[in-house]
Amino acid sequence: MPAKGKGGKNNKKGKKRDDGGDRRALEFKEDGQEYAQVLRMLGDGRVALQCYDDVARTGLIRGTMRRRVWINMGDIVLIGLREFQP
């Protein structure tokens, strides 16, 4: 009987990991940034946020984060505050 995990399409699809525990350093807020909690996923890369300064805001997930990082309801995120011009 052949050993498991030696080959085949499904085995080769897996992500290569080193499990070294490399994690990014925690980024603290600076001027023009604020912490917020994700309330709802609105679709099209937009989220409803409740900021820690008690203001409800709508946020936009940038393209690189949209593809690589999973953001769920209840997550704490660091947002950049910008002026809106209609």
PDB file of N, CA and C in Angstrom:
ATOM      1  N   MET A   1       0.843  -1.175   0.000  1.00  0.00           N
ATOM      2  CA  MET A   1       0.000   0.000   0.000  1.00  0.00           C
ATOM      3  C   MET A   1       0.893   1.245   0.000  1.00  0.00           C
ATOM      4  N   PRO A   2       0.618   2.245  -0.874  1.00  0.00           N
ATOM      5  CA  PRO A   2       1.462   3.439  -0.945  1.00  0.00           C
ATOM      6  C   PRO A   2       1.292   4.334   0.290  1.00  0.00           C
ATOM      7  N   ALA A   3       2.355   5.048   0.607  1.00  0.00           N
ATOM      8  CA  ALA A   3       2.317   5.974   1.746  1.00  0.00           C
ATOM      9  C   ALA A   3       1.479   7.197   1.389  1.00  0.00           C
ATOM     10  N   LYS A   4       0.800   7.764   2.389  1.00  0.00           N
ATOM     11  CA  LYS A   4      -0.051   8.922   2.134  1.00  0.00           C
ATOM     12  C   LYS A   4       0.792  10.190   2.027  1.00  0.00           C
ATOM     13  N   GLY A   5       0.347  11.097   1.172  1.00  0.00           N
ATOM     14  CA  GLY A   5       0.978  12.395   1.076  1.00  0.00           C
ATOM     15  C   GLY A   5       2.229  12.444   0.234  1.00  0.00           C
ATOM     16  N   LYS A   6       2.423  11.489  -0.635  1.00  0.00           N
ATOM     17  CA  LYS A   6       3.632  11.482  -1.452  1.00  0.00           C
ATOM     18  C   LYS A   6       3.460  12.234  -2.766  1.00  0.00           C
ATOM     19  N   GLY A   7       2.247  12.423  -3.209  1.00  0.00           N
ATOM     20  CA  GLY A   7       2.083  13.097  -4.503  1.00  0.00           C
ATOM     21  C   GLY A   7       0.625  13.297  -4.836  1.00  0.00           C
ATOM     22  N   GLY A   8       0.394  13.609  -6.065  1.00  0.00           N
ATOM     23  CA  GLY A   8      -0.967  13.831  -6.511  1.00  0.00           C
ATOM     24  C   GLY A   8      -1.307  15.314  -6.554  1.00  0.00           C
ATOM     25  N   LYS A   9      -2.368  15.626  -7.261  1.00  0.00           N
ATOM     26  CA  LYS A   9      -2.759  17.009  -7.469  1.00  0.00           C
ATOM     27  C   LYS A   9      -3.097  17.717  -6.163  1.00  0.00           C
ATOM     28  N   ASN A  10      -3.876  17.081  -5.301  1.00  0.00           N
ATOM     29  CA  ASN A  10      -4.328  17.743  -4.081  1.00  0.00           C
ATOM     30  C   ASN A  10      -3.202  17.974  -3.083  1.00  0.00           C
ATOM     31  N   ASN A  11      -2.215  17.121  -3.065  1.00  0.00           N
ATOM     32  CA  ASN A  11      -1.086  17.306  -2.160  1.00  0.00           C
ATOM     33  C   ASN A  11      -0.210  18.468  -2.618  1.00  0.00           C
ATOM     34  N   LYS A  12      -0.077  18.649  -3.912  1.00  0.00           N
ATOM     35  CA  LYS A  12       0.790  19.689  -4.452  1.00  0.00           C
ATOM     36  C   LYS A  12       0.139  21.066  -4.384  1.00  0.00           C
ATOM     37  N   LYS A  13      -1.175  21.133  -4.187  1.00  0.00           N
ATOM     38  CA  LYS A  13      -1.883  22.403  -4.118  1.00  0.00           C
ATOM     39  C   LYS A  13      -1.636  23.142  -2.810  1.00  0.00           C
ATOM     40  N   GLY A  14      -1.252  22.414  -1.767  1.00  0.00           N
ATOM     41  CA  GLY A  14      -1.167  22.990  -0.438  1.00  0.00           C
ATOM     42  C   GLY A  14      -0.167  24.129  -0.341  1.00  0.00           C
ATOM     43  N   LYS A  15      -0.396  25.023   0.610  1.00  0.00           N
ATOM     44  CA  LYS A  15       0.481  26.154   0.832  1.00  0.00           C
ATOM     45  C   LYS A  15       1.722  25.703   1.594  1.00  0.00           C
ATOM     46  N   LYS A  16       2.868  26.176   1.160  1.00  0.00           N
ATOM     47  CA  LYS A  16       4.109  25.836   1.844  1.00  0.00           C
ATOM     48  C   LYS A  16       4.263  26.743   3.059  1.00  0.00           C
ATOM     49  N   ARG A  17       4.458  26.160   4.206  1.00  0.00           N
ATOM     50  CA  ARG A  17       4.589  26.908   5.456  1.00  0.00           C
ATOM     51  C   ARG A  17       5.877  26.498   6.146  1.00  0.00           C
ATOM     52  N   ASP A  18       6.429  27.415   6.875  1.00  0.00           N
ATOM     53  CA  ASP A  18       7.592  27.058   7.668  1.00  0.00           C
ATOM     54  C   ASP A  18       7.243  26.966   9.142  1.00  0.00           C
ATOM     55  N   ASP A  19       6.053  27.441   9.523  1.00  0.00           N
ATOM     56  CA  ASP A  19       5.569  27.396  10.904  1.00  0.00           C
ATOM     57  C   ASP A  19       6.610  27.914  11.892  1.00  0.00           C
ATOM     58  N   GLY A  20       7.343  28.924  11.470  1.00  0.00           N
ATOM     59  CA  GLY A  20       8.368  29.501  12.317  1.00  0.00           C
ATOM     60  C   GLY A  20       7.802  30.468  13.338  1.00  0.00           C
ATOM     61  N   GLY A  21       6.531  30.795  13.216  1.00  0.00           N
ATOM     62  CA  GLY A  21       5.924  31.708  14.164  1.00  0.00           C
ATOM     63  C   GLY A  21       6.268  33.164  13.871  1.00  0.00           C
ATOM     64  N   ASP A  22       6.677  33.474  12.650  1.00  0.00           N
ATOM     65  CA  ASP A  22       6.982  34.854  12.300  1.00  0.00           C
ATOM     66  C   ASP A  22       5.682  35.642  12.235  1.00  0.00           C
ATOM     67  N   ARG A  23       5.600  36.670  13.077  1.00  0.00           N
ATOM     68  CA  ARG A  23       4.417  37.513  13.101  1.00  0.00           C
ATOM     69  C   ARG A  23       4.855  38.957  12.986  1.00  0.00           C
ATOM     70  N   ARG A  24       4.003  39.746  12.400  1.00  0.00           N
ATOM     71  CA  ARG A  24       4.315  41.162  12.276  1.00  0.00           C
ATOM     72  C   ARG A  24       4.150  41.855  13.616  1.00  0.00           C
ATOM     73  N   ALA A  25       4.899  42.903  13.801  1.00  0.00           N
ATOM     74  CA  ALA A  25       4.810  43.670  15.037  1.00  0.00           C
ATOM     75  C   ALA A  25       3.495  44.446  15.053  1.00  0.00           C
ATOM     76  N   LEU A  26       2.946  44.628  16.220  1.00  0.00           N
ATOM     77  CA  LEU A  26       1.706  45.367  16.381  1.00  0.00           C
ATOM     78  C   LEU A  26       1.948  46.836  16.091  1.00  0.00           C
ATOM     79  N   GLU A  27       1.093  47.406  15.236  1.00  0.00           N
ATOM     80  CA  GLU A  27       1.233  48.813  14.884  1.00  0.00           C
ATOM     81  C   GLU A  27       0.301  49.636  15.762  1.00  0.00           C
ATOM     82  N   PHE A  28       0.849  50.658  16.404  1.00  0.00           N
ATOM     83  CA  PHE A  28       0.059  51.543  17.250  1.00  0.00           C
ATOM     84  C   PHE A  28      -0.399  52.737  16.438  1.00  0.00           C
ATOM     85  N   LYS A  29      -1.495  53.374  16.879  1.00  0.00           N
ATOM     86  CA  LYS A  29      -2.056  54.471  16.108  1.00  0.00           C
ATOM     87  C   LYS A  29      -1.175  55.716  16.206  1.00  0.00           C
ATOM     88  N   GLU A  30      -1.196  56.471  15.121  1.00  0.00           N
ATOM     89  CA  GLU A  30      -0.474  57.731  15.029  1.00  0.00           C
ATOM     90  C   GLU A  30      -1.491  58.834  14.763  1.00  0.00           C
ATOM     91  N   ASP A  31      -1.009  60.014  14.452  1.00  0.00           N
ATOM     92  CA  ASP A  31      -1.911  61.112  14.109  1.00  0.00           C
ATOM     93  C   ASP A  31      -2.663  60.768  12.831  1.00  0.00           C
ATOM     94  N   GLY A  32      -3.961  61.019  12.836  1.00  0.00           N
ATOM     95  CA  GLY A  32      -4.777  60.722  11.668  1.00  0.00           C
ATOM     96  C   GLY A  32      -5.227  59.275  11.587  1.00  0.00           C
ATOM     97  N   GLN A  33      -5.021  58.499  12.648  1.00  0.00           N
ATOM     98  CA  GLN A  33      -5.466  57.114  12.675  1.00  0.00           C
ATOM     99  C   GLN A  33      -6.311  56.873  13.919  1.00  0.00           C
ATOM    100  N   GLU A  34      -7.122  55.818  13.857  1.00  0.00           N
ATOM    101  CA  GLU A  34      -8.010  55.497  14.965  1.00  0.00           C
ATOM    102  C   GLU A  34      -8.273  53.993  14.955  1.00  0.00           C
ATOM    103  N   TYR A  35      -8.563  53.439  16.124  1.00  0.00           N
ATOM    104  CA  TYR A  35      -8.962  52.036  16.226  1.00  0.00           C
ATOM    105  C   TYR A  35     -10.473  51.953  16.031  1.00  0.00           C
ATOM    106  N   ALA A  36     -10.922  50.856  15.415  1.00  0.00           N
ATOM    107  CA  ALA A  36     -12.354  50.660  15.191  1.00  0.00           C
ATOM    108  C   ALA A  36     -12.668  49.175  15.218  1.00  0.00           C
ATOM    109  N   GLN A  37     -13.929  48.860  15.508  1.00  0.00           N
ATOM    110  CA  GLN A  37     -14.409  47.484  15.488  1.00  0.00           C
ATOM    111  C   GLN A  37     -15.347  47.320  14.303  1.00  0.00           C
ATOM    112  N   VAL A  38     -15.213  46.208  13.588  1.00  0.00           N
ATOM    113  CA  VAL A  38     -16.036  45.948  12.409  1.00  0.00           C
ATOM    114  C   VAL A  38     -17.416  45.490  12.875  1.00  0.00           C
ATOM    115  N   LEU A  39     -18.448  46.241  12.459  1.00  0.00           N
ATOM    116  CA  LEU A  39     -19.830  45.892  12.818  1.00  0.00           C
ATOM    117  C   LEU A  39     -20.465  44.986  11.770  1.00  0.00           C
ATOM    118  N   ARG A  40     -20.342  45.354  10.499  1.00  0.00           N
ATOM    119  CA  ARG A  40     -20.966  44.600   9.407  1.00  0.00           C
ATOM    120  C   ARG A  40     -20.074  44.659   8.179  1.00  0.00           C
ATOM    121  N   MET A  41     -20.158  43.616   7.381  1.00  0.00           N
ATOM    122  CA  MET A  41     -19.532  43.613   6.067  1.00  0.00           C
ATOM    123  C   MET A  41     -20.581  44.095   5.072  1.00  0.00           C
ATOM    124  N   LEU A  42     -20.308  45.184   4.373  1.00  0.00           N
ATOM    125  CA  LEU A  42     -21.298  45.790   3.486  1.00  0.00           C
ATOM    126  C   LEU A  42     -21.171  45.303   2.046  1.00  0.00           C
ATOM    127  N   GLY A  43     -20.087  44.641   1.712  1.00  0.00           N
ATOM    128  CA  GLY A  43     -19.874  44.187   0.347  1.00  0.00           C
ATOM    129  C   GLY A  43     -19.048  45.187  -0.432  1.00  0.00           C
ATOM    130  N   ASP A  44     -18.445  44.723  -1.519  1.00  0.00           N
ATOM    131  CA  ASP A  44     -17.617  45.547  -2.392  1.00  0.00           C
ATOM    132  C   ASP A  44     -16.439  46.161  -1.636  1.00  0.00           C
ATOM    133  N   GLY A  45     -15.914  45.435  -0.657  1.00  0.00           N
ATOM    134  CA  GLY A  45     -14.752  45.913   0.082  1.00  0.00           C
ATOM    135  C   GLY A  45     -15.055  47.000   1.099  1.00  0.00           C
ATOM    136  N   ARG A  46     -16.312  47.155   1.457  1.00  0.00           N
ATOM    137  CA  ARG A  46     -16.695  48.186   2.425  1.00  0.00           C
ATOM    138  C   ARG A  46     -17.162  47.526   3.722  1.00  0.00           C
ATOM    139  N   VAL A  47     -16.915  48.217   4.838  1.00  0.00           N
ATOM    140  CA  VAL A  47     -17.301  47.713   6.147  1.00  0.00           C
ATOM    141  C   VAL A  47     -17.919  48.830   6.965  1.00  0.00           C
ATOM    142  N   ALA A  48     -18.850  48.469   7.843  1.00  0.00           N
ATOM    143  CA  ALA A  48     -19.407  49.408   8.811  1.00  0.00           C
ATOM    144  C   ALA A  48     -18.561  49.300  10.074  1.00  0.00           C
ATOM    145  N   LEU A  49     -18.088  50.440  10.581  1.00  0.00           N
ATOM    146  CA  LEU A  49     -17.158  50.467  11.709  1.00  0.00           C
ATOM    147  C   LEU A  49     -17.735  51.270  12.868  1.00  0.00           C
ATOM    148  N   GLN A  50     -17.393  50.853  14.082  1.00  0.00           N
ATOM    149  CA  GLN A  50     -17.673  51.634  15.284  1.00  0.00           C
ATOM    150  C   GLN A  50     -16.328  52.031  15.867  1.00  0.00           C
ATOM    151  N   CYS A  51     -15.986  53.301  15.766  1.00  0.00           N
ATOM    152  CA  CYS A  51     -14.680  53.776  16.217  1.00  0.00           C
ATOM    153  C   CYS A  51     -14.677  53.950  17.729  1.00  0.00           C
ATOM    154  N   TYR A  52     -13.473  53.990  18.288  1.00  0.00           N
ATOM    155  CA  TYR A  52     -13.334  54.118  19.733  1.00  0.00           C
ATOM    156  C   TYR A  52     -13.540  55.540  20.221  1.00  0.00           C
ATOM    157  N   ASP A  53     -13.730  56.488  19.301  1.00  0.00           N
ATOM    158  CA  ASP A  53     -14.133  57.833  19.698  1.00  0.00           C
ATOM    159  C   ASP A  53     -15.653  57.994  19.585  1.00  0.00           C
ATOM    160  N   ASP A  54     -16.379  56.857  19.611  1.00  0.00           N
ATOM    161  CA  ASP A  54     -17.851  56.790  19.590  1.00  0.00           C
ATOM    162  C   ASP A  54     -18.475  57.416  18.350  1.00  0.00           C
ATOM    163  N   VAL A  55     -17.846  57.216  17.201  1.00  0.00           N
ATOM    164  CA  VAL A  55     -18.386  57.670  15.931  1.00  0.00           C
ATOM    165  C   VAL A  55     -18.520  56.460  15.017  1.00  0.00           C
ATOM    166  N   ALA A  56     -19.698  56.300  14.391  1.00  0.00           N
ATOM    167  CA  ALA A  56     -19.901  55.214  13.433  1.00  0.00           C
ATOM    168  C   ALA A  56     -19.410  55.687  12.068  1.00  0.00           C
ATOM    169  N   ARG A  57     -18.575  54.872  11.421  1.00  0.00           N
ATOM    170  CA  ARG A  57     -18.006  55.237  10.130  1.00  0.00           C
ATOM    171  C   ARG A  57     -18.123  54.075   9.167  1.00  0.00           C
ATOM    172  N   THR A  58     -18.024  54.391   7.881  1.00  0.00           N
ATOM    173  CA  THR A  58     -17.940  53.384   6.836  1.00  0.00           C
ATOM    174  C   THR A  58     -16.501  53.349   6.353  1.00  0.00           C
ATOM    175  N   GLY A  59     -15.933  52.157   6.292  1.00  0.00           N
ATOM    176  CA  GLY A  59     -14.544  52.020   5.876  1.00  0.00           C
ATOM    177  C   GLY A  59     -14.433  51.280   4.564  1.00  0.00           C
ATOM    178  N   LEU A  60     -13.315  51.470   3.917  1.00  0.00           N
ATOM    179  CA  LEU A  60     -13.015  50.827   2.648  1.00  0.00           C
ATOM    180  C   LEU A  60     -11.746  50.011   2.826  1.00  0.00           C
ATOM    181  N   ILE A  61     -11.817  48.720   2.496  1.00  0.00           N
ATOM    182  CA  ILE A  61     -10.656  47.843   2.614  1.00  0.00           C
ATOM    183  C   ILE A  61      -9.813  48.017   1.361  1.00  0.00           C
ATOM    184  N   ARG A  62      -8.544  48.343   1.536  1.00  0.00           N
ATOM    185  CA  ARG A  62      -7.679  48.561   0.381  1.00  0.00           C
ATOM    186  C   ARG A  62      -7.454  47.262  -0.376  1.00  0.00           C
ATOM    187  N   GLY A  63      -7.083  47.372  -1.629  1.00  0.00           N
ATOM    188  CA  GLY A  63      -7.009  46.225  -2.535  1.00  0.00           C
ATOM    189  C   GLY A  63      -6.096  45.108  -2.070  1.00  0.00           C
ATOM    190  N   THR A  64      -4.899  45.445  -1.571  1.00  0.00           N
ATOM    191  CA  THR A  64      -3.977  44.387  -1.156  1.00  0.00           C
ATOM    192  C   THR A  64      -4.498  43.653   0.069  1.00  0.00           C
ATOM    193  N   MET A  65      -5.173  44.354   0.966  1.00  0.00           N
ATOM    194  CA  MET A  65      -5.748  43.717   2.141  1.00  0.00           C
ATOM    195  C   MET A  65      -6.951  42.865   1.752  1.00  0.00           C
ATOM    196  N   ARG A  66      -7.680  43.282   0.756  1.00  0.00           N
ATOM    197  CA  ARG A  66      -8.872  42.559   0.328  1.00  0.00           C
ATOM    198  C   ARG A  66      -8.514  41.167  -0.172  1.00  0.00           C
ATOM    199  N   ARG A  67      -7.375  41.041  -0.828  1.00  0.00           N
ATOM    200  CA  ARG A  67      -6.989  39.758  -1.392  1.00  0.00           C
ATOM    201  C   ARG A  67      -6.263  38.855  -0.400  1.00  0.00           C
ATOM    202  N   ARG A  68      -5.519  39.435   0.540  1.00  0.00           N
ATOM    203  CA  ARG A  68      -4.628  38.631   1.369  1.00  0.00           C
ATOM    204  C   ARG A  68      -5.040  38.478   2.816  1.00  0.00           C
ATOM    205  N   VAL A  69      -5.782  39.431   3.362  1.00  0.00           N
ATOM    206  CA  VAL A  69      -6.106  39.412   4.784  1.00  0.00           C
ATOM    207  C   VAL A  69      -7.617  39.266   4.934  1.00  0.00           C
ATOM    208  N   TRP A  70      -8.026  38.331   5.782  1.00  0.00           N
ATOM    209  CA  TRP A  70      -9.445  38.123   6.022  1.00  0.00           C
ATOM    210  C   TRP A  70      -9.888  39.000   7.173  1.00  0.00           C
ATOM    211  N   ILE A  71     -10.881  39.848   6.949  1.00  0.00           N
ATOM    212  CA  ILE A  71     -11.440  40.720   7.974  1.00  0.00           C
ATOM    213  C   ILE A  71     -12.864  40.257   8.226  1.00  0.00           C
ATOM    214  N   ASN A  72     -13.181  39.989   9.495  1.00  0.00           N
ATOM    215  CA  ASN A  72     -14.493  39.476   9.866  1.00  0.00           C
ATOM    216  C   ASN A  72     -15.181  40.436  10.820  1.00  0.00           C
ATOM    217  N   MET A  73     -16.465  40.169  11.060  1.00  0.00           N
ATOM    218  CA  MET A  73     -17.211  40.971  12.024  1.00  0.00           C
ATOM    219  C   MET A  73     -16.598  40.811  13.407  1.00  0.00           C
ATOM    220  N   GLY A  74     -16.492  41.920  14.135  1.00  0.00           N
ATOM    221  CA  GLY A  74     -15.946  41.890  15.476  1.00  0.00           C
ATOM    222  C   GLY A  74     -14.444  42.121  15.540  1.00  0.00           C
ATOM    223  N   ASP A  75     -13.759  42.145  14.410  1.00  0.00           N
ATOM    224  CA  ASP A  75     -12.317  42.386  14.407  1.00  0.00           C
ATOM    225  C   ASP A  75     -12.016  43.837  14.759  1.00  0.00           C
ATOM    226  N   ILE A  76     -10.875  44.045  15.396  1.00  0.00           N
ATOM    227  CA  ILE A  76     -10.397  45.386  15.701  1.00  0.00           C
ATOM    228  C   ILE A  76      -9.400  45.759  14.614  1.00  0.00           C
ATOM    229  N   VAL A  77      -9.626  46.897  13.960  1.00  0.00           N
ATOM    230  CA  VAL A  77      -8.776  47.330  12.855  1.00  0.00           C
ATOM    231  C   VAL A  77      -8.254  48.730  13.131  1.00  0.00           C
ATOM    232  N   LEU A  78      -7.165  49.056  12.483  1.00  0.00           N
ATOM    233  CA  LEU A  78      -6.583  50.390  12.551  1.00  0.00           C
ATOM    234  C   LEU A  78      -6.959  51.100  11.270  1.00  0.00           C
ATOM    235  N   ILE A  79      -7.647  52.240  11.385  1.00  0.00           N
ATOM    236  CA  ILE A  79      -8.124  52.945  10.197  1.00  0.00           C
ATOM    237  C   ILE A  79      -7.408  54.278  10.072  1.00  0.00           C
ATOM    238  N   GLY A  80      -7.283  54.725   8.834  1.00  0.00           N
ATOM    239  CA  GLY A  80      -6.741  56.044   8.557  1.00  0.00           C
ATOM    240  C   GLY A  80      -7.894  57.005   8.294  1.00  0.00           C
ATOM    241  N   LEU A  81      -7.916  58.119   9.012  1.00  0.00           N
ATOM    242  CA  LEU A  81      -9.001  59.092   8.862  1.00  0.00           C
ATOM    243  C   LEU A  81      -8.684  60.023   7.694  1.00  0.00           C
ATOM    244  N   ARG A  82      -9.663  60.237   6.840  1.00  0.00           N
ATOM    245  CA  ARG A  82      -9.495  61.096   5.671  1.00  0.00           C
ATOM    246  C   ARG A  82     -10.678  62.031   5.563  1.00  0.00           C
ATOM    247  N   GLU A  83     -10.443  63.152   4.914  1.00  0.00           N
ATOM    248  CA  GLU A  83     -11.513  64.101   4.641  1.00  0.00           C
ATOM    249  C   GLU A  83     -12.268  63.638   3.399  1.00  0.00           C
ATOM    250  N   PHE A  84     -13.576  63.828   3.409  1.00  0.00           N
ATOM    251  CA  PHE A  84     -14.418  63.412   2.294  1.00  0.00           C
ATOM    252  C   PHE A  84     -14.878  64.646   1.550  1.00  0.00           C
ATOM    253  N   GLN A  85     -14.699  64.651   0.218  1.00  0.00           N
ATOM    254  CA  GLN A  85     -15.157  65.752  -0.613  1.00  0.00           C
ATOM    255  C   GLN A  85     -16.166  65.213  -1.613  1.00  0.00           C
ATOM    256  N   PRO A  86     -17.434  65.654  -1.525  1.00  0.00           N
ATOM    257  CA  PRO A  86     -18.449  65.153  -2.462  1.00  0.00           C
ATOM    258  C   PRO A  86     -18.261  65.695  -3.866  1.00  0.00           C
TER     259      PRO A  86
END
